[in-house]
Amino acid sequence: MTQDIQVEFWGTRGSIPSPGQETARFGGNTSCVEVRVAGKTLIFDAGTGIRALGKSLQARGLNDVHLLMSHYHWDHIMGLPFFALMFDPTAQVHLYGEPRGELGVEQVLAGQMREPYFPVPWAALEASITPQDVGPGQTFTIDDVTVRTCRLHHPQHALAYRVEWGGYSVVYATDIEHGSDRDAAFIEFCRDTDILIMDCTFEDHEYPNHIGWGHSTWQAGVRFADAATVGRLVIFHHAPERTDGEVSGIEAKARAMRPGTIAAKEGMVLKVGSADVRLATGS
C-alpha cells in the first residue's frame, strides 16, 4: 500500500464542458478529482471527467469506489450516466451527498436519468450502489480514512470535503464564493491542510459582475490559503471561456503572490507524503 495520498485531476473546468484547442492543456472536462489513499479510491464529483476515470479504473482492475458529491448543479453530475462502473455488476459504488428536502443523494442523482432527459433509467444501473446522506459539519470514516464536511457559500448549497490519513490531509472545496459570514469557518476547516483544491473561477476585476454566482477569485484563494497556512493551493474550476494561456497567466500571478500555487489540469497528479507535497506529473 502506498504511503502517499495521491490526487489525480480528471476534470478541472467549471460550469460547462469546454473542449477545444484553446483549452487542451488544462482540460475542458468538468469537475472530477480522484484521491487514492490507504488502498481506497475516493472520487469527488461526477462531472464529465468521470467518464475517462471510469475507463482508467477498469484498466487498473478497480471496482470499489467512494463517490462524494459536493452538490448537484449540472456540471458536477452530468458525467455520472457515462461512468463505466455504474454498469458493472461486480462494482461497489459508495455514494455520498447532501439530501435535498425529502430526497436523498440517490434519489437526487436519479432525477437526471428520468425521461425525457436520458434514455437509460437509474434502475438499469448494474453496480451495487450504497447511498449515504451527509451534511455540513459531519465527520465519518472510510476504514482508517477520516472525512470531514463543511458548508460552502454557494446557491442551493455545496459541501467541502477534507480527507485525513496518516497525519496528512487534502481539502476539496468547489463551488465557493468568498465574502460571506462562512469565511472564518472555512479557513478553520482548511487549517494546515497539505493541499487545498479551491474554486478560483474569477479574477478580482471580474468579480463585481458575478457577485452571487457562488464562485471565488484566485486572489481570494491565495488569501484563504495564507490565512489557513495551507501547504499548496490548487486553482480549480476554471471559467469555461478561459484559454490555456489565460489560465497560465493566472497561475503565474498566483505563484508570485504565493509560491507553489498551481492551476489544476487534467492528468496532473499530486502526492502528499512524508517529505512534502510533490508534483508527480504535469508542470
Protein backbone atom coordinates (compact mmCIF):
# COMPACT_ATOMS: atom_id res chain seq x y z
CA MET A 1 0.00 0.00 0.00
CA THR A 2 1.32 3.43 -0.92
CA GLN A 3 2.28 5.69 1.97
CA ASP A 4 1.19 8.76 -0.01
CA ILE A 5 -2.13 10.41 -0.60
CA GLN A 6 -2.33 10.70 -4.40
CA VAL A 7 -4.60 13.25 -6.04
CA GLU A 8 -5.36 13.00 -9.77
CA PHE A 9 -7.37 15.52 -11.76
CA TRP A 10 -9.85 14.22 -14.36
CA GLY A 11 -11.99 17.34 -14.79
CA THR A 12 -10.95 20.88 -13.87
CA ARG A 13 -13.41 23.13 -15.71
CA GLY A 14 -16.41 24.90 -14.21
CA SER A 15 -19.99 25.48 -15.36
CA ILE A 16 -19.95 23.69 -18.72
CA PRO A 17 -17.55 21.45 -20.67
CA SER A 18 -15.18 23.48 -22.82
CA PRO A 19 -13.39 21.25 -25.31
CA GLY A 20 -11.14 22.68 -27.99
CA GLN A 21 -7.62 23.60 -28.96
CA GLU A 22 -7.54 26.60 -26.61
CA THR A 23 -8.37 24.51 -23.53
CA ALA A 24 -6.49 21.29 -24.30
CA ARG A 25 -3.63 21.85 -21.85
CA PHE A 26 -5.64 22.45 -18.69
CA GLY A 27 -8.63 20.46 -19.89
CA GLY A 28 -12.23 21.05 -20.86
CA ASN A 29 -13.95 18.43 -18.71
CA THR A 30 -15.97 19.48 -15.68
CA SER A 31 -15.20 18.72 -12.06
CA CYS A 32 -13.89 15.27 -11.13
CA VAL A 33 -10.96 14.55 -8.82
CA GLU A 34 -9.66 11.15 -7.72
CA VAL A 35 -7.96 10.69 -4.34
CA ARG A 36 -6.13 7.43 -3.72
CA VAL A 37 -5.50 6.88 -0.04
CA ALA A 38 -4.89 3.84 2.18
CA GLY A 39 -5.90 1.47 -0.61
CA LYS A 40 -9.20 3.32 -1.12
CA THR A 41 -10.41 5.20 -4.17
CA LEU A 42 -12.31 8.39 -3.39
CA ILE A 43 -13.89 10.38 -6.22
CA PHE A 44 -15.04 13.96 -5.80
CA ASP A 45 -17.88 14.97 -8.12
CA ALA A 46 -19.14 13.38 -11.29
CA GLY A 47 -18.57 15.99 -13.95
CA THR A 48 -17.65 14.90 -17.47
CA GLY A 49 -14.16 13.96 -16.31
CA ILE A 50 -15.59 10.86 -14.62
CA ARG A 51 -16.07 9.14 -17.97
CA ALA A 52 -12.32 8.81 -18.60
CA LEU A 53 -11.77 8.00 -14.92
CA GLY A 54 -14.16 5.07 -15.22
CA LYS A 55 -12.16 3.62 -18.08
CA SER A 56 -8.95 4.08 -16.12
CA LEU A 57 -10.39 2.33 -13.07
CA GLN A 58 -11.44 -0.63 -15.18
CA ALA A 59 -7.96 -0.83 -16.73
CA ARG A 60 -6.48 -0.83 -13.21
CA GLY A 61 -8.86 -3.56 -12.09
CA LEU A 62 -10.54 -1.32 -9.50
CA ASN A 63 -14.28 -1.61 -8.97
CA ASP A 64 -14.85 -0.49 -5.36
CA VAL A 65 -15.07 3.29 -5.11
CA HIS A 66 -16.41 6.06 -2.90
CA LEU A 67 -18.12 8.88 -4.82
CA LEU A 68 -18.58 12.11 -2.84
CA MET A 69 -20.78 14.83 -4.30
CA SER A 70 -20.15 18.49 -3.47
CA HIS A 71 -23.59 19.47 -4.84
CA TYR A 72 -25.90 18.72 -7.73
CA HIS A 73 -25.51 21.53 -10.24
CA TRP A 74 -25.40 20.19 -13.76
CA ASP A 75 -21.64 20.48 -14.37
CA HIS A 76 -20.92 18.33 -11.32
CA ILE A 77 -23.26 15.44 -12.14
CA MET A 78 -23.53 15.26 -15.93
CA GLY A 79 -20.81 12.63 -16.31
CA LEU A 80 -22.39 10.10 -13.95
CA PRO A 81 -24.56 8.31 -16.57
CA PHE A 82 -21.34 7.69 -18.53
CA PHE A 83 -19.31 6.34 -15.58
CA ALA A 84 -18.49 2.77 -16.58
CA LEU A 85 -18.56 1.33 -13.07
CA MET A 86 -22.26 2.17 -12.74
CA PHE A 87 -22.97 -0.51 -15.37
CA ASP A 88 -20.58 -3.12 -13.92
CA PRO A 89 -22.46 -5.79 -11.92
CA THR A 90 -19.28 -6.54 -9.94
CA ALA A 91 -18.72 -2.92 -8.92
CA GLN A 92 -19.34 -1.40 -5.49
CA VAL A 93 -20.15 2.32 -5.58
CA HIS A 94 -20.48 4.02 -2.19
CA LEU A 95 -22.35 7.26 -2.81
CA TYR A 96 -22.23 10.32 -0.51
CA GLY A 97 -24.09 13.60 -0.79
CA GLU A 98 -26.39 16.06 0.90
CA PRO A 99 -30.17 15.46 0.86
CA ARG A 100 -32.45 17.93 -0.84
CA GLY A 101 -35.73 18.12 1.05
CA GLU A 102 -37.15 14.62 1.24
CA LEU A 103 -34.81 13.34 -1.48
CA GLY A 104 -31.62 11.56 -0.51
CA VAL A 105 -28.45 11.59 -2.59
CA GLU A 106 -29.51 8.58 -4.69
CA GLN A 107 -32.96 10.00 -5.48
CA VAL A 108 -31.47 13.37 -6.42
CA LEU A 109 -28.99 11.86 -8.85
CA ALA A 110 -31.59 9.52 -10.34
CA GLY A 111 -33.53 12.60 -11.42
CA GLN A 112 -31.20 13.44 -14.30
CA MET A 113 -31.73 9.97 -15.78
CA ARG A 114 -35.51 10.22 -15.93
CA GLU A 115 -37.44 10.54 -19.17
CA PRO A 116 -37.18 12.78 -21.21
CA TYR A 117 -33.68 13.77 -20.04
CA PHE A 118 -31.90 10.45 -20.54
CA PRO A 119 -32.81 7.14 -22.21
CA VAL A 120 -31.37 4.85 -19.50
CA PRO A 121 -33.10 4.99 -16.09
CA TRP A 122 -31.33 4.73 -12.75
CA ALA A 123 -32.97 1.32 -12.21
CA ALA A 124 -30.95 -0.06 -15.13
CA LEU A 125 -27.62 0.56 -13.38
CA GLU A 126 -25.97 -2.74 -12.50
CA ALA A 127 -23.45 -1.72 -9.84
CA SER A 128 -24.15 -2.30 -6.17
CA ILE A 129 -24.84 1.29 -5.05
CA THR A 130 -24.76 2.15 -1.34
CA PRO A 131 -26.03 5.68 -0.67
CA GLN A 132 -25.11 7.66 2.43
CA ASP A 133 -26.64 11.06 3.10
CA VAL A 134 -24.18 13.52 4.64
CA GLY A 135 -24.49 17.13 5.72
CA PRO A 136 -22.30 20.05 6.76
CA GLY A 137 -20.23 19.69 9.90
CA GLN A 138 -20.20 15.89 9.79
CA THR A 139 -17.28 13.54 10.27
CA PHE A 140 -17.29 9.97 9.01
CA THR A 141 -14.72 7.30 8.30
CA ILE A 142 -13.91 5.03 5.40
CA ASP A 143 -11.95 2.38 7.26
CA ASP A 144 -8.99 4.36 8.67
CA VAL A 145 -9.55 7.40 6.42
CA THR A 146 -11.37 10.30 8.08
CA VAL A 147 -13.61 12.58 6.03
CA ARG A 148 -14.96 15.89 7.31
CA THR A 149 -17.50 18.21 5.68
CA CYS A 150 -18.10 21.96 5.66
CA ARG A 151 -20.90 24.15 4.30
CA LEU A 152 -19.82 26.39 1.41
CA HIS A 153 -21.31 29.71 0.35
CA HIS A 154 -22.99 28.73 -2.92
CA PRO A 155 -26.53 28.95 -4.34
CA GLN A 156 -28.58 25.88 -3.31
CA HIS A 157 -25.73 24.78 -1.02
CA ALA A 158 -22.49 22.88 -1.54
CA LEU A 159 -20.16 20.85 0.66
CA ALA A 160 -16.39 20.90 1.01
CA TYR A 161 -14.64 17.67 1.98
CA ARG A 162 -11.45 17.21 3.97
CA VAL A 163 -9.69 13.84 3.70
CA GLU A 164 -7.32 12.97 6.56
CA TRP A 165 -5.00 9.99 6.82
CA GLY A 166 -1.58 9.32 8.28
CA GLY A 167 -1.20 12.87 9.54
CA TYR A 168 -1.82 14.36 6.09
CA SER A 169 -4.89 15.97 4.55
CA VAL A 170 -6.46 17.24 1.34
CA VAL A 171 -9.40 19.67 1.06
CA TYR A 172 -11.71 19.69 -1.96
CA ALA A 173 -13.69 22.96 -1.98
CA THR A 174 -15.76 23.75 -5.03
CA ASP A 175 -18.05 25.70 -5.51
CA ILE A 176 -17.45 28.53 -3.04
CA GLU A 177 -17.94 32.30 -3.06
CA HIS A 178 -15.80 34.36 -0.70
CA GLY A 179 -17.03 37.31 1.33
CA SER A 180 -19.71 35.68 3.47
CA ASP A 181 -20.07 35.00 7.18
CA ARG A 182 -18.85 31.46 6.46
CA ASP A 183 -15.31 32.56 5.55
CA ALA A 184 -13.91 32.16 9.08
CA ALA A 185 -15.32 28.65 9.48
CA PHE A 186 -13.96 27.67 6.07
CA ILE A 187 -10.49 28.91 6.97
CA GLU A 188 -10.53 26.79 10.12
CA PHE A 189 -11.77 23.81 8.11
CA CYS A 190 -8.73 24.19 5.84
CA ARG A 191 -6.29 24.83 8.69
CA ASP A 192 -2.82 23.35 7.96
CA THR A 193 -4.06 21.11 5.16
CA ASP A 194 -1.39 19.89 2.74
CA ILE A 195 -3.44 20.59 -0.41
CA LEU A 196 -6.38 22.96 -0.85
CA ILE A 197 -8.25 22.44 -4.13
CA MET A 198 -10.38 25.57 -4.38
CA ASP A 199 -12.80 27.18 -6.80
CA CYS A 200 -10.95 30.21 -8.21
CA THR A 201 -13.13 30.87 -11.23
CA PHE A 202 -12.70 34.64 -11.45
CA GLU A 203 -10.15 37.40 -11.15
CA ASP A 204 -10.76 40.31 -8.79
CA HIS A 205 -11.60 42.71 -11.63
CA GLU A 206 -14.24 40.27 -12.96
CA TYR A 207 -15.88 39.52 -9.65
CA PRO A 208 -18.15 42.61 -9.28
CA ASN A 209 -20.17 41.43 -12.31
CA HIS A 210 -20.56 37.95 -10.82
CA ILE A 211 -21.47 38.54 -7.20
CA GLY A 212 -23.95 35.91 -6.08
CA TRP A 213 -22.89 33.33 -8.66
CA GLY A 214 -21.21 31.24 -5.95
CA HIS A 215 -17.60 31.38 -7.16
CA SER A 216 -14.38 32.94 -5.87
CA THR A 217 -11.33 34.64 -7.33
CA TRP A 218 -7.79 33.32 -7.33
CA GLN A 219 -6.84 36.29 -5.17
CA ALA A 220 -9.38 35.15 -2.56
CA GLY A 221 -7.94 31.65 -2.84
CA VAL A 222 -4.49 32.99 -2.01
CA ARG A 223 -5.87 34.89 0.98
CA PHE A 224 -7.69 31.82 2.29
CA ALA A 225 -4.61 29.63 1.81
CA ASP A 226 -2.39 32.09 3.64
CA ALA A 227 -4.86 32.53 6.49
CA ALA A 228 -5.20 28.76 6.91
CA THR A 229 -1.44 28.07 6.49
CA VAL A 230 -2.14 25.66 3.64
CA GLY A 231 0.72 23.71 2.10
CA ARG A 232 -0.23 24.07 -1.57
CA LEU A 233 -3.12 25.92 -3.18
CA VAL A 234 -4.57 24.36 -6.34
CA ILE A 235 -6.58 26.76 -8.53
CA PHE A 236 -9.65 24.85 -9.72
CA HIS A 237 -13.00 25.22 -11.57
CA HIS A 238 -11.56 27.27 -14.42
CA ALA A 239 -14.05 29.55 -16.16
CA PRO A 240 -15.35 27.89 -19.35
CA GLU A 241 -14.16 30.76 -21.56
CA ARG A 242 -10.66 30.81 -20.02
CA THR A 243 -7.98 29.79 -22.54
CA ASP A 244 -4.87 27.83 -21.63
CA GLY A 245 -2.81 30.99 -21.98
CA GLU A 246 -5.10 32.88 -19.64
CA VAL A 247 -5.04 30.09 -17.04
CA SER A 248 -1.24 30.03 -17.27
CA GLY A 249 -1.21 33.78 -16.69
CA ILE A 250 -3.38 33.43 -13.58
CA GLU A 251 -1.15 30.64 -12.32
CA ALA A 252 1.94 32.83 -12.74
CA LYS A 253 0.36 35.75 -10.90
CA ALA A 254 -0.82 33.49 -8.09
CA ARG A 255 2.63 31.91 -7.76
CA ALA A 256 4.19 35.36 -7.49
CA MET A 257 1.94 36.04 -4.50
CA ARG A 258 2.11 32.52 -3.07
CA PRO A 259 4.96 30.30 -4.28
CA GLY A 260 3.96 26.72 -5.02
CA THR A 261 0.44 27.57 -6.15
CA ILE A 262 -0.61 25.58 -9.21
CA ALA A 263 -3.52 25.56 -11.63
CA ALA A 264 -5.27 22.20 -11.88
CA LYS A 265 -5.04 20.43 -15.22
CA GLU A 266 -6.31 17.12 -16.45
CA GLY A 267 -3.83 14.31 -15.89
CA MET A 268 -1.96 16.14 -13.14
CA VAL A 269 -1.08 14.00 -10.12
CA LEU A 270 -0.10 15.44 -6.75
CA LYS A 271 1.31 13.38 -3.90
CA VAL A 272 1.22 14.14 -0.20
CA GLY A 273 3.84 12.15 1.65
CA SER A 274 6.42 12.17 4.33
CA ALA A 275 8.62 14.84 2.70
CA ASP A 276 6.35 17.37 1.04
CA VAL A 277 3.55 17.95 -1.43
CA ARG A 278 5.13 16.74 -4.64
CA LEU A 279 4.13 17.05 -8.27
CA ALA A 280 4.23 13.62 -9.84
CA THR A 281 3.16 14.57 -13.38
CA GLY A 282 2.35 17.75 -15.20
CA SER A 283 4.06 21.09 -14.71
